[in-house]
Amino acid sequence: MVVAVILLVMLFFCGALSYVIPQGAFARDGSGNIIPDTYQVGTVEGIALWRIITAPVRVFASGDALTIIMISIFLLVMSGVFNLLEKTGGIKTFIAVIMRRLRDKGGPVVCITVLIFMLFGSLFGMFEELVTLLPLIIVFMLTMQMDTMMGLGACLMAACFGFSTAITNPFSVGTAAQLAGIHASSGAWLRIVFFVIVYLVLCAFLVGYLKKIQANPQYSPTYEADLQKRASLMGDGEPLPDQDRIFRVYATFFAIQGVLLVAIACIRQISGFAIPVLAASFLISGLIAGQIVCKDFKRVLGYFLKGAAAMLPAVAMIALASSIKLVMDESNIIDTVMHTVLKLLVGKGKFVTILLIYGLILFLQLFIGSASAKIFLVMPIVLPITNALGISPTLVILTYCMADGFTDVILPTNPVLLIGLSMANVSYGKWLKWTWKLQLLLFVISIVVLLFGVLIGY
């Protein structure tokens, strides 16, 4: 409810801006890149109220419709499959195996899990795709006497932080390096150092939190809900009939998804179709696995549909978040906002310029979640300015990655955050209270690293 109110306020605020800010546009080349010094200002023409009100519906017919629809289908499929997995005994079977092998090894397991997810984000640019594993990671943490927040931290947050500390991420470092005319490996040493720093900070945060909930389980924001989750997962503790067969079936299911994730990360040609490919794989192999286990397709389909229906409110939130950008597009004020902010960069010192670029990307995060979209919007203008000031493209790229990524797990306009919190059944208020200090610390660390980069001429 809180997220919906925030999004509605932002939606109407952006609509109100169209009555104050004039329309405007940059000329663009054949690839859609902005051509510097071509901005043309127009008149102030406020967007019609009915367009603001209907934006959450009309967004499904906009230029972003395909992406929104695919994300929504993705969410519904994942929720349905994991409900099917739970109802047919897959969760309980994996719990039994996990408890036998990993009990009382909480700290090391958390750090290893964080490292894996951060590496996938940093090296391959995987973030949205890894949300498919969130329910399993949460269950994994619950079986080891941790909580839902630990699952979110070790999976969703780790993947996001890995994306933000990009080393070879093709969607940020790769694209920006190509626009700058440099190799993606240029300046990688400082990005690696930053990755290690953030990894150690996140591990310290999660392990410190783990010690607190071990000393006092009620310290957990999800304590009551986790008691119910454990009870439903563990049941009466009786072994499931034919447990070995269930384990083999679902182990094969997850092995298929694991191989597919690696393939998506390694094969650039299919990386752009990651979400539909993963959704199709989960849907087909999940239904087949469920049918093999319970041999009743009507029940299998019922479990799937019930799980999918539980995520319909999250789909509504995604549409509401996406409608904010639609209103700004239809108002023709995005380029005007960009032009105004970018003028602030001219004539400033190196460090001040870097901070302004950092702030610009943070601002754009409210409206444009796609890393690649912002790169094509900002870099063609920012790079000529920074080059004139003697700031290297590698420092600009590092600045971009820092500003683009971390806020993906704190801004309520990010669909992946909404998906993750919906899957975990955690309110945005609890999440914000749990993470804001960590986000503030990372902001300070980022500024210090950028200052260090300026001082050494990185």
Protein backbone atom coordinates (compact mmCIF):
# COMPACT_ATOMS: atom_id res chain seq x y z
CA MET A 1 0.00 0.00 0.00
CA VAL A 2 2.84 2.40 0.90
CA VAL A 3 4.58 1.70 -2.42
CA ALA A 4 1.36 2.35 -4.35
CA VAL A 5 0.91 5.72 -2.64
CA ILE A 6 4.53 6.71 -3.35
CA LEU A 7 4.20 5.75 -6.99
CA LEU A 8 0.90 7.58 -7.39
CA VAL A 9 2.40 10.74 -5.87
CA MET A 10 5.37 10.51 -8.23
CA LEU A 11 3.06 9.91 -11.19
CA PHE A 12 0.98 13.02 -10.56
CA PHE A 13 4.07 15.06 -9.68
CA CYS A 14 5.63 14.22 -13.05
CA GLY A 15 2.37 15.15 -14.73
CA ALA A 16 2.36 18.47 -12.87
CA LEU A 17 5.89 19.20 -14.09
CA SER A 18 4.56 19.37 -17.64
CA TYR A 19 2.62 22.52 -16.65
CA VAL A 20 5.84 24.20 -15.50
CA ILE A 21 8.64 22.80 -17.67
CA PRO A 22 8.69 23.57 -21.41
CA GLN A 23 8.83 20.79 -23.94
CA GLY A 24 12.09 20.22 -25.75
CA ALA A 25 14.16 17.72 -27.65
CA PHE A 26 17.67 16.87 -28.76
CA ALA A 27 18.34 15.77 -32.31
CA ARG A 28 19.42 12.15 -32.52
CA ASP A 29 21.53 10.19 -34.98
CA GLY A 30 20.52 6.99 -36.77
CA SER A 31 21.35 4.91 -33.69
CA GLY A 32 19.16 7.02 -31.44
CA ASN A 33 22.09 8.77 -29.72
CA ILE A 34 21.72 12.41 -28.70
CA ILE A 35 23.63 14.91 -30.85
CA PRO A 36 25.25 17.54 -28.56
CA ASP A 37 24.30 21.22 -28.91
CA THR A 38 21.10 20.39 -30.80
CA TYR A 39 18.59 20.96 -28.02
CA GLN A 40 15.51 22.91 -29.14
CA VAL A 41 13.14 24.31 -26.57
CA GLY A 42 9.41 24.31 -27.12
CA THR A 43 6.39 25.68 -25.31
CA VAL A 44 4.82 24.73 -21.99
CA GLU A 45 1.89 22.41 -22.68
CA GLY A 46 0.56 20.51 -19.70
CA ILE A 47 -0.44 16.90 -20.24
CA ALA A 48 -4.17 16.14 -20.03
CA LEU A 49 -5.36 14.82 -16.66
CA TRP A 50 -6.98 11.79 -18.29
CA ARG A 51 -3.60 10.76 -19.69
CA ILE A 52 -2.09 10.74 -16.20
CA ILE A 53 -5.00 8.76 -14.76
CA THR A 54 -5.00 6.17 -17.53
CA ALA A 55 -1.21 5.86 -17.81
CA PRO A 56 -1.00 2.60 -15.77
CA VAL A 57 -3.31 1.00 -18.35
CA ARG A 58 -1.99 2.68 -21.48
CA VAL A 59 1.57 1.69 -20.58
CA PHE A 60 0.71 -1.78 -21.91
CA ALA A 61 0.34 -0.23 -25.38
CA SER A 62 3.44 2.00 -25.14
CA GLY A 63 6.91 1.51 -26.55
CA ASP A 64 7.88 -0.23 -23.29
CA ALA A 65 4.88 -2.56 -23.41
CA LEU A 66 6.82 -5.65 -24.48
CA THR A 67 9.29 -5.28 -21.63
CA ILE A 68 6.55 -4.68 -19.07
CA ILE A 69 4.48 -7.61 -20.31
CA MET A 70 7.49 -9.95 -20.29
CA ILE A 71 8.45 -8.92 -16.74
CA SER A 72 4.85 -9.43 -15.62
CA ILE A 73 4.61 -12.86 -17.25
CA PHE A 74 7.99 -13.72 -15.79
CA LEU A 75 6.78 -12.86 -12.28
CA LEU A 76 3.54 -14.83 -12.65
CA VAL A 77 5.35 -17.90 -14.02
CA MET A 78 7.99 -17.90 -11.27
CA SER A 79 5.39 -17.53 -8.56
CA GLY A 80 3.24 -20.29 -10.03
CA VAL A 81 6.14 -22.72 -10.45
CA PHE A 82 7.48 -22.20 -6.94
CA ASN A 83 4.01 -22.69 -5.48
CA LEU A 84 3.83 -25.92 -7.49
CA LEU A 85 7.25 -26.90 -6.17
CA GLU A 86 6.13 -26.36 -2.59
CA LYS A 87 2.77 -28.12 -2.89
CA THR A 88 4.23 -31.22 -4.55
CA GLY A 89 6.94 -31.74 -1.93
CA GLY A 90 9.97 -30.33 -3.71
CA ILE A 91 10.69 -27.74 -1.03
CA LYS A 92 10.47 -30.20 1.85
CA THR A 93 12.75 -32.64 0.05
CA PHE A 94 15.44 -30.04 -0.53
CA ILE A 95 15.10 -28.83 3.06
CA ALA A 96 15.91 -32.32 4.33
CA VAL A 97 19.06 -32.48 2.21
CA ILE A 98 20.19 -28.98 3.17
CA MET A 99 19.66 -29.54 6.88
CA ARG A 100 21.73 -32.73 6.83
CA ARG A 101 24.71 -31.14 5.07
CA LEU A 102 24.89 -27.48 6.04
CA ARG A 103 23.50 -27.10 9.56
CA ASP A 104 25.49 -24.77 11.85
CA LYS A 105 27.55 -23.30 8.99
CA GLY A 106 25.63 -20.05 8.62
CA GLY A 107 28.41 -17.44 8.28
CA PRO A 108 30.53 -19.17 5.60
CA VAL A 109 27.44 -20.16 3.62
CA VAL A 110 26.21 -16.55 3.59
CA CYS A 111 29.57 -15.23 2.35
CA ILE A 112 29.85 -17.89 -0.37
CA THR A 113 26.27 -17.21 -1.54
CA VAL A 114 26.94 -13.46 -1.67
CA LEU A 115 30.14 -14.00 -3.67
CA ILE A 116 28.38 -16.17 -6.26
CA PHE A 117 25.54 -13.72 -6.82
CA MET A 118 27.84 -10.69 -6.89
CA LEU A 119 30.10 -12.33 -9.46
CA PHE A 120 27.17 -13.10 -11.75
CA GLY A 121 26.11 -9.45 -11.53
CA SER A 122 29.58 -7.96 -11.90
CA LEU A 123 30.92 -10.18 -14.68
CA PHE A 124 27.79 -10.94 -16.70
CA GLY A 125 25.37 -8.14 -15.84
CA MET A 126 22.80 -10.54 -14.41
CA PHE A 127 20.32 -9.03 -11.97
CA GLU A 128 16.71 -9.47 -13.07
CA GLU A 129 17.40 -13.07 -14.13
CA LEU A 130 18.63 -14.05 -10.66
CA VAL A 131 15.31 -13.16 -9.04
CA THR A 132 14.14 -16.61 -10.17
CA LEU A 133 16.34 -18.10 -7.45
CA LEU A 134 15.11 -15.81 -4.65
CA PRO A 135 12.35 -18.09 -3.27
CA LEU A 136 14.78 -21.00 -3.11
CA ILE A 137 17.47 -18.89 -1.39
CA ILE A 138 14.93 -17.67 1.17
CA VAL A 139 13.88 -21.25 1.92
CA PHE A 140 17.55 -22.19 2.09
CA MET A 141 18.18 -19.50 4.72
CA LEU A 142 15.08 -20.43 6.72
CA THR A 143 16.23 -24.04 7.00
CA MET A 144 19.51 -22.84 8.51
CA GLN A 145 17.68 -20.88 11.22
CA MET A 146 18.18 -17.55 9.48
CA ASP A 147 15.34 -15.40 8.15
CA THR A 148 13.73 -13.96 5.02
CA MET A 149 15.77 -10.74 5.19
CA MET A 150 18.97 -12.80 5.01
CA GLY A 151 17.65 -14.49 1.87
CA LEU A 152 16.91 -11.12 0.28
CA GLY A 153 20.34 -9.81 1.25
CA ALA A 154 22.33 -12.80 0.02
CA CYS A 155 20.42 -13.04 -3.28
CA LEU A 156 18.66 -9.88 -4.45
CA MET A 157 20.97 -7.38 -2.77
CA ALA A 158 24.13 -9.30 -3.65
CA ALA A 159 23.15 -9.52 -7.33
CA CYS A 160 22.37 -5.79 -7.41
CA PHE A 161 25.61 -4.86 -5.66
CA GLY A 162 27.52 -7.07 -8.08
CA PHE A 163 25.86 -5.26 -11.00
CA SER A 164 26.87 -1.95 -9.39
CA THR A 165 30.50 -3.00 -8.86
CA ALA A 166 30.73 -4.01 -12.50
CA ILE A 167 34.02 -5.42 -13.72
CA THR A 168 33.02 -6.63 -17.18
CA ASN A 169 29.23 -6.14 -17.05
CA PRO A 170 28.30 -5.92 -20.77
CA PHE A 171 25.19 -3.80 -20.10
CA SER A 172 27.07 -1.00 -18.34
CA VAL A 173 30.86 -1.27 -18.68
CA GLY A 174 30.72 -2.92 -22.11
CA THR A 175 28.22 -0.50 -23.63
CA ALA A 176 29.81 2.61 -22.13
CA ALA A 177 33.30 1.53 -23.17
CA GLN A 178 32.09 1.03 -26.73
CA LEU A 179 30.62 4.55 -26.82
CA ALA A 180 33.84 5.94 -25.35
CA GLY A 181 35.98 4.10 -27.89
CA ILE A 182 37.99 2.17 -25.29
CA HIS A 183 38.33 -1.51 -24.40
CA ALA A 184 36.04 -2.86 -21.67
CA SER A 185 39.08 -4.02 -19.67
CA SER A 186 40.52 -0.48 -19.47
CA GLY A 187 40.84 0.61 -15.85
CA ALA A 188 39.52 -2.73 -14.57
CA TRP A 189 41.91 -2.74 -11.60
CA LEU A 190 40.03 -0.03 -9.68
CA ARG A 191 36.69 -1.66 -10.48
CA ILE A 192 38.05 -4.91 -9.03
CA VAL A 193 39.21 -3.10 -5.88
CA PHE A 194 35.78 -1.52 -5.53
CA PHE A 195 34.12 -4.94 -6.00
CA VAL A 196 36.22 -6.41 -3.17
CA ILE A 197 35.43 -3.50 -0.85
CA VAL A 198 31.68 -3.75 -1.43
CA TYR A 199 31.80 -7.56 -1.07
CA LEU A 200 33.50 -7.28 2.32
CA VAL A 201 31.06 -4.58 3.47
CA LEU A 202 28.01 -6.64 2.47
CA CYS A 203 29.39 -9.79 4.12
CA ALA A 204 30.12 -7.84 7.31
CA PHE A 205 26.59 -6.39 7.27
CA LEU A 206 24.91 -9.77 6.79
CA VAL A 207 27.13 -11.72 9.21
CA GLY A 208 26.68 -8.99 11.83
CA TYR A 209 22.91 -9.18 11.33
CA LEU A 210 23.08 -12.99 11.57
CA LYS A 211 24.76 -12.79 14.97
CA LYS A 212 22.02 -10.44 16.20
CA ILE A 213 19.15 -12.73 15.19
CA GLN A 214 21.00 -15.75 16.57
CA ALA A 215 21.29 -13.98 19.93
CA ASN A 216 17.70 -12.71 19.75
CA PRO A 217 15.48 -14.21 16.99
CA GLN A 218 12.80 -11.57 17.61
CA TYR A 219 15.24 -8.90 16.36
CA SER A 220 14.33 -10.05 12.84
CA PRO A 221 11.77 -7.80 11.08
CA THR A 222 10.17 -10.95 9.65
CA TYR A 223 10.23 -13.05 12.84
CA GLU A 224 6.49 -13.78 13.07
CA ALA A 225 6.07 -14.43 9.34
CA ASP A 226 9.13 -16.70 9.30
CA LEU A 227 7.69 -18.84 12.10
CA GLN A 228 4.68 -19.54 9.89
CA LYS A 229 6.88 -20.14 6.84
CA ARG A 230 9.00 -22.69 8.68
CA ALA A 231 5.91 -24.43 10.01
CA SER A 232 4.39 -24.71 6.54
CA LEU A 233 7.67 -25.83 5.00
CA MET A 234 8.59 -28.39 7.60
CA GLY A 235 5.11 -29.68 8.30
CA ASP A 236 5.08 -32.39 10.92
CA GLY A 237 8.63 -33.50 10.12
CA GLU A 238 7.52 -36.83 8.63
CA PRO A 239 9.45 -37.94 5.56
CA LEU A 240 7.57 -37.66 2.29
CA PRO A 241 6.70 -40.87 0.51
CA ASP A 242 9.00 -41.58 -2.41
CA GLN A 243 11.32 -38.77 -1.28
CA ASP A 244 14.28 -39.97 -3.35
CA ARG A 245 12.26 -39.81 -6.58
CA ILE A 246 10.98 -36.32 -5.75
CA PHE A 247 14.51 -35.15 -5.06
CA ARG A 248 15.81 -36.56 -8.35
CA VAL A 249 13.01 -34.94 -10.35
CA TYR A 250 13.43 -31.48 -8.86
CA ALA A 251 17.23 -31.72 -8.76
CA THR A 252 17.05 -32.26 -12.53
CA PHE A 253 14.67 -29.31 -12.81
CA PHE A 254 17.08 -26.95 -11.02
CA ALA A 255 20.08 -28.35 -12.89
CA ILE A 256 18.36 -27.39 -16.16
CA GLN A 257 17.77 -23.86 -14.91
CA GLY A 258 21.36 -23.60 -13.69
CA VAL A 259 22.75 -24.65 -17.06
CA LEU A 260 20.45 -22.16 -18.76
CA LEU A 261 21.60 -19.32 -16.48
CA VAL A 262 25.23 -20.05 -17.31
CA ALA A 263 24.41 -20.24 -21.02
CA ILE A 264 22.65 -16.87 -20.88
CA ALA A 265 25.64 -15.36 -19.10
CA CYS A 266 28.16 -16.75 -21.59
CA ILE A 267 26.33 -16.50 -24.92
CA ARG A 268 25.81 -12.84 -25.85
CA GLN A 269 23.36 -13.72 -28.65
CA ILE A 270 20.71 -14.97 -26.21
CA SER A 271 21.45 -12.65 -23.26
CA GLY A 272 18.97 -10.11 -24.58
CA PHE A 273 16.20 -12.72 -24.40
CA ALA A 274 17.05 -13.85 -20.87
CA ILE A 275 13.67 -13.14 -19.27
CA PRO A 276 11.42 -14.84 -21.86
CA VAL A 277 13.83 -17.79 -22.17
CA LEU A 278 13.96 -18.30 -18.41
CA ALA A 279 10.20 -17.90 -18.05
CA ALA A 280 9.55 -20.47 -20.79
CA SER A 281 12.07 -22.88 -19.29
CA PHE A 282 10.59 -22.62 -15.80
CA LEU A 283 7.04 -22.98 -17.10
CA ILE A 284 7.63 -26.02 -19.33
CA SER A 285 10.09 -27.92 -17.15
CA GLY A 286 8.19 -26.99 -13.97
CA LEU A 287 4.89 -28.35 -15.25
CA ILE A 288 6.60 -31.51 -16.52
CA ALA A 289 8.38 -32.04 -13.19
CA GLY A 290 5.14 -31.48 -11.28
CA GLN A 291 3.31 -33.97 -13.49
CA ILE A 292 6.03 -36.61 -12.96
CA VAL A 293 5.85 -36.14 -9.18
CA CYS A 294 2.10 -36.10 -8.55
CA LYS A 295 0.77 -37.66 -11.81
CA ASP A 296 -2.32 -35.46 -11.82
CA PHE A 297 -2.16 -32.60 -14.32
CA LYS A 298 -5.34 -31.00 -13.03
CA ARG A 299 -3.78 -30.63 -9.57
CA VAL A 300 -0.49 -29.45 -11.08
CA LEU A 301 -2.26 -26.75 -13.09
CA GLY A 302 -4.28 -25.72 -10.05
CA TYR A 303 -1.18 -25.28 -7.91
CA PHE A 304 0.48 -23.26 -10.65
CA LEU A 305 -2.50 -20.95 -11.24
CA LYS A 306 -2.98 -20.32 -7.53
CA GLY A 307 0.65 -19.32 -7.14
CA ALA A 308 0.48 -17.07 -10.19
CA ALA A 309 -2.68 -15.36 -8.94
CA ALA A 310 -0.94 -14.46 -5.67
CA MET A 311 1.45 -12.21 -7.60
CA LEU A 312 -1.16 -10.16 -9.48
CA PRO A 313 -0.83 -7.19 -7.06
CA ALA A 314 2.90 -7.03 -7.91
CA VAL A 315 2.03 -6.81 -11.61
CA ALA A 316 -0.17 -3.82 -10.84
CA MET A 317 2.75 -2.13 -9.06
CA ILE A 318 5.01 -2.71 -12.06
CA ALA A 319 2.49 -1.06 -14.36
CA LEU A 320 2.19 1.90 -11.99
CA ALA A 321 5.97 2.32 -11.79
CA SER A 322 6.36 2.13 -15.57
CA SER A 323 3.61 4.69 -16.16
CA ILE A 324 5.79 7.45 -14.64
CA LYS A 325 8.19 7.31 -17.58
CA LEU A 326 5.24 7.18 -20.00
CA VAL A 327 3.83 10.44 -18.63
CA MET A 328 7.20 12.17 -19.00
CA ASP A 329 7.58 10.82 -22.54
CA GLU A 330 4.15 12.04 -23.56
CA SER A 331 4.82 15.41 -21.95
CA ASN A 332 8.05 15.76 -23.99
CA ILE A 333 9.92 17.05 -20.94
CA ILE A 334 12.59 14.37 -20.43
CA ASP A 335 15.08 16.06 -22.77
CA THR A 336 14.35 19.42 -21.14
CA VAL A 337 15.17 18.03 -17.72
CA MET A 338 18.31 16.46 -19.17
CA HIS A 339 19.37 19.71 -20.84
CA THR A 340 18.92 21.72 -17.64
CA VAL A 341 20.89 19.31 -15.50
CA LEU A 342 23.67 18.78 -18.02
CA LYS A 343 24.30 22.54 -18.27
CA LEU A 344 25.43 22.40 -14.65
CA LEU A 345 28.44 20.30 -15.69
CA VAL A 346 30.01 23.00 -17.84
CA GLY A 347 32.88 24.96 -16.25
CA LYS A 348 33.19 22.88 -13.08
CA GLY A 349 36.33 21.24 -11.58
CA LYS A 350 37.02 17.53 -12.07
CA PHE A 351 35.73 16.28 -8.73
CA VAL A 352 32.69 18.57 -8.77
CA THR A 353 31.93 17.43 -12.33
CA ILE A 354 32.15 13.78 -11.29
CA LEU A 355 29.80 14.42 -8.37
CA LEU A 356 27.34 16.19 -10.66
CA ILE A 357 27.42 13.27 -13.10
CA TYR A 358 26.86 10.94 -10.15
CA GLY A 359 23.89 13.03 -9.04
CA LEU A 360 22.52 13.15 -12.59
CA ILE A 361 22.50 9.36 -12.88
CA LEU A 362 20.86 9.06 -9.45
CA PHE A 363 18.16 11.47 -10.59
CA LEU A 364 17.56 9.60 -13.84
CA GLN A 365 17.22 6.36 -11.87
CA LEU A 366 13.81 7.62 -10.73
CA PHE A 367 12.53 7.48 -14.29
CA ILE A 368 14.76 5.19 -16.35
CA GLY A 369 15.72 1.86 -14.81
CA SER A 370 17.54 0.42 -17.80
CA ALA A 371 21.33 0.80 -17.53
CA SER A 372 21.80 0.71 -21.30
CA ALA A 373 19.03 3.26 -21.92
CA LYS A 374 20.62 5.80 -19.59
CA ILE A 375 24.06 5.21 -21.12
CA PHE A 376 22.81 6.05 -24.60
CA LEU A 377 21.00 9.07 -23.20
CA VAL A 378 23.85 10.51 -21.12
CA MET A 379 27.22 9.36 -22.42
CA PRO A 380 27.16 11.08 -25.85
CA ILE A 381 26.86 14.42 -24.04
CA VAL A 382 28.86 13.77 -20.86
CA LEU A 383 31.93 12.23 -22.52
CA PRO A 384 32.83 15.32 -24.64
CA ILE A 385 32.55 17.52 -21.54
CA THR A 386 34.67 15.22 -19.35
CA ASN A 387 37.25 14.79 -22.10
CA ALA A 388 37.63 18.58 -22.30
CA LEU A 389 38.21 18.69 -18.54
CA GLY A 390 40.83 15.94 -18.69
CA ILE A 391 38.65 13.33 -16.98
CA SER A 392 39.24 9.83 -18.31
CA PRO A 393 36.40 7.73 -19.76
CA THR A 394 37.26 4.96 -17.27
CA LEU A 395 36.44 7.27 -14.33
CA VAL A 396 33.20 8.33 -15.98
CA ILE A 397 32.26 4.67 -16.48
CA LEU A 398 33.07 3.86 -12.84
CA THR A 399 30.94 6.82 -11.75
CA TYR A 400 28.08 5.65 -13.90
CA CYS A 401 28.16 2.09 -12.52
CA MET A 402 28.16 3.34 -8.92
CA ALA A 403 25.22 5.70 -9.45
CA ASP A 404 23.22 3.34 -11.67
CA GLY A 405 23.20 0.18 -9.59
CA PHE A 406 22.96 0.43 -5.81
CA THR A 407 19.66 2.33 -5.77
CA ASP A 408 17.97 -0.47 -7.74
CA VAL A 409 17.26 -2.12 -4.38
CA ILE A 410 16.01 0.97 -2.58
CA LEU A 411 14.00 3.00 -5.13
CA PRO A 412 10.33 1.89 -5.18
CA THR A 413 10.18 2.58 -8.92
CA ASN A 414 12.39 -0.41 -9.70
CA PRO A 415 10.30 -3.41 -10.86
CA VAL A 416 12.90 -5.98 -9.75
CA LEU A 417 12.77 -4.68 -6.18
CA LEU A 418 8.97 -4.87 -6.26
CA ILE A 419 9.17 -8.42 -7.57
CA GLY A 420 11.67 -9.46 -4.91
CA LEU A 421 9.75 -7.93 -2.01
CA SER A 422 6.50 -9.44 -3.30
CA MET A 423 8.04 -12.89 -3.55
CA ALA A 424 9.44 -12.56 -0.03
CA ASN A 425 6.22 -11.02 1.32
CA VAL A 426 8.23 -8.18 2.90
CA SER A 427 6.88 -4.62 3.02
CA TYR A 428 8.85 -1.78 1.49
CA GLY A 429 8.88 -0.03 4.87
CA LYS A 430 10.63 -2.95 6.57
CA TRP A 431 13.11 -3.25 3.71
CA LEU A 432 13.94 0.47 3.79
CA LYS A 433 14.46 0.42 7.56
CA TRP A 434 16.72 -2.64 7.24
CA THR A 435 18.91 -1.33 4.40
CA TRP A 436 19.13 2.48 4.58
CA LYS A 437 22.25 2.57 6.76
CA LEU A 438 24.04 0.16 4.43
CA GLN A 439 23.04 2.28 1.43
CA LEU A 440 24.36 5.41 3.16
CA LEU A 441 27.66 3.68 3.92
CA LEU A 442 28.03 2.56 0.31
CA PHE A 443 27.28 6.10 -0.86
CA VAL A 444 30.13 7.42 1.29
CA ILE A 445 32.50 4.68 0.10
CA SER A 446 31.59 5.43 -3.52
CA ILE A 447 32.37 9.13 -3.09
CA VAL A 448 35.72 8.32 -1.44
CA VAL A 449 36.67 5.94 -4.26
CA LEU A 450 35.73 8.56 -6.87
CA LEU A 451 37.80 11.19 -5.07
CA PHE A 452 40.71 8.74 -5.01
CA GLY A 453 40.26 8.19 -8.76
CA VAL A 454 40.38 11.93 -9.44
CA LEU A 455 43.47 12.41 -7.26
CA ILE A 456 45.49 9.66 -8.97
CA GLY A 457 44.33 10.62 -12.46
CA TYR A 458 42.57 7.29 -12.96
